[in-house]
Amino acid sequence: MSMSTLKTTEKSIWAEVVKTYKILYLIGEGGYGTVKKAKNIASGNLVAIKHMTNFSHNKYHTLKVLREILIMKSL
């Protein structure tokens, strides 16, 4: 996958997120991106969305992110 394809995919995914959630404010920033508090437009449920903007596509970083996702899902 080329970098231009990745950027296009990233933009289209974020476009879907903002159709579903109203971004309320920035919670924090980290090495890979930002965490934002958002509200589901349909249900009103509050969520935290991690928007990864500075993500390297190598095996080590991918494993770190997958581990983080698994930890968040278990909470």
Protein backbone atom coordinates (compact mmCIF):
# COMPACT_ATOMS: atom_id res chain seq x y z
CA MET A 1 0.00 0.00 0.00
CA SER A 2 1.48 3.36 -0.99
CA MET A 3 1.66 6.38 1.30
CA SER A 4 -0.91 8.23 -0.83
CA THR A 5 -3.32 5.30 -0.48
CA LEU A 6 -2.75 5.29 3.29
CA LYS A 7 -3.45 9.03 3.52
CA THR A 8 -6.65 8.66 1.45
CA THR A 9 -7.82 5.72 3.58
CA GLU A 10 -7.02 7.62 6.78
CA LYS A 11 -9.07 10.61 5.57
CA SER A 12 -12.05 8.46 4.58
CA ILE A 13 -12.02 6.65 7.93
CA TRP A 14 -11.93 9.96 9.82
CA ALA A 15 -14.80 11.24 7.64
CA GLU A 16 -16.88 8.26 8.83
CA VAL A 17 -15.96 8.95 12.45
CA VAL A 18 -17.16 12.55 12.29
CA LYS A 19 -20.43 11.43 10.68
CA THR A 20 -21.10 9.19 13.69
CA TYR A 21 -19.56 11.19 16.55
CA LYS A 22 -19.51 14.84 17.57
CA ILE A 23 -15.97 15.62 18.73
CA LEU A 24 -16.27 17.54 22.01
CA TYR A 25 -12.68 18.28 23.03
CA LEU A 26 -9.11 17.08 23.15
CA ILE A 27 -8.31 14.86 26.16
CA GLY A 28 -4.60 14.44 25.52
CA GLU A 29 -1.75 13.98 23.08
CA GLY A 30 0.88 11.29 22.76
CA GLY A 31 3.56 9.94 20.50
CA TYR A 32 1.15 8.42 18.00
CA GLY A 33 -1.66 10.94 17.96
CA THR A 34 -4.43 12.42 20.09
CA VAL A 35 -7.31 11.23 22.27
CA LYS A 36 -10.58 13.11 21.94
CA LYS A 37 -13.80 12.98 23.90
CA ALA A 38 -16.78 12.51 21.58
CA LYS A 39 -20.50 11.91 21.72
CA ASN A 40 -22.30 9.37 19.56
CA ILE A 41 -24.81 11.42 17.57
CA ALA A 42 -27.47 8.68 17.48
CA SER A 43 -27.27 7.31 21.03
CA GLY A 44 -25.76 10.17 23.01
CA ASN A 45 -23.14 7.84 24.52
CA LEU A 46 -19.81 9.43 25.40
CA VAL A 47 -16.64 7.81 24.10
CA ALA A 48 -12.91 8.43 23.82
CA ILE A 49 -11.47 8.26 20.32
CA LYS A 50 -7.78 7.74 19.72
CA HIS A 51 -6.87 9.46 16.46
CA MET A 52 -3.53 8.11 15.33
CA THR A 53 -1.72 10.56 13.11
CA ASN A 54 1.96 9.81 13.67
CA PHE A 55 2.00 6.06 13.23
CA SER A 56 4.93 4.21 11.74
CA HIS A 57 3.93 1.17 9.72
CA ASN A 58 6.44 -1.29 11.06
CA LYS A 59 5.94 -4.55 12.92
CA TYR A 60 7.05 -3.28 16.35
CA HIS A 61 4.70 -0.29 16.38
CA THR A 62 1.83 -2.37 15.02
CA LEU A 63 2.22 -4.87 17.88
CA LYS A 64 2.30 -2.05 20.45
CA VAL A 65 -0.91 -0.56 19.06
CA LEU A 66 -2.68 -3.93 18.90
CA ARG A 67 -1.70 -4.62 22.51
CA GLU A 68 -3.07 -1.21 23.53
CA ILE A 69 -6.35 -1.89 21.70
CA LEU A 70 -6.73 -5.24 23.46
CA ILE A 71 -6.14 -3.59 26.84
CA MET A 72 -8.72 -0.86 26.11
CA LYS A 73 -11.28 -3.44 24.95
CA SER A 74 -10.88 -5.36 28.20
CA LEU A 75 -11.74 -2.31 30.32
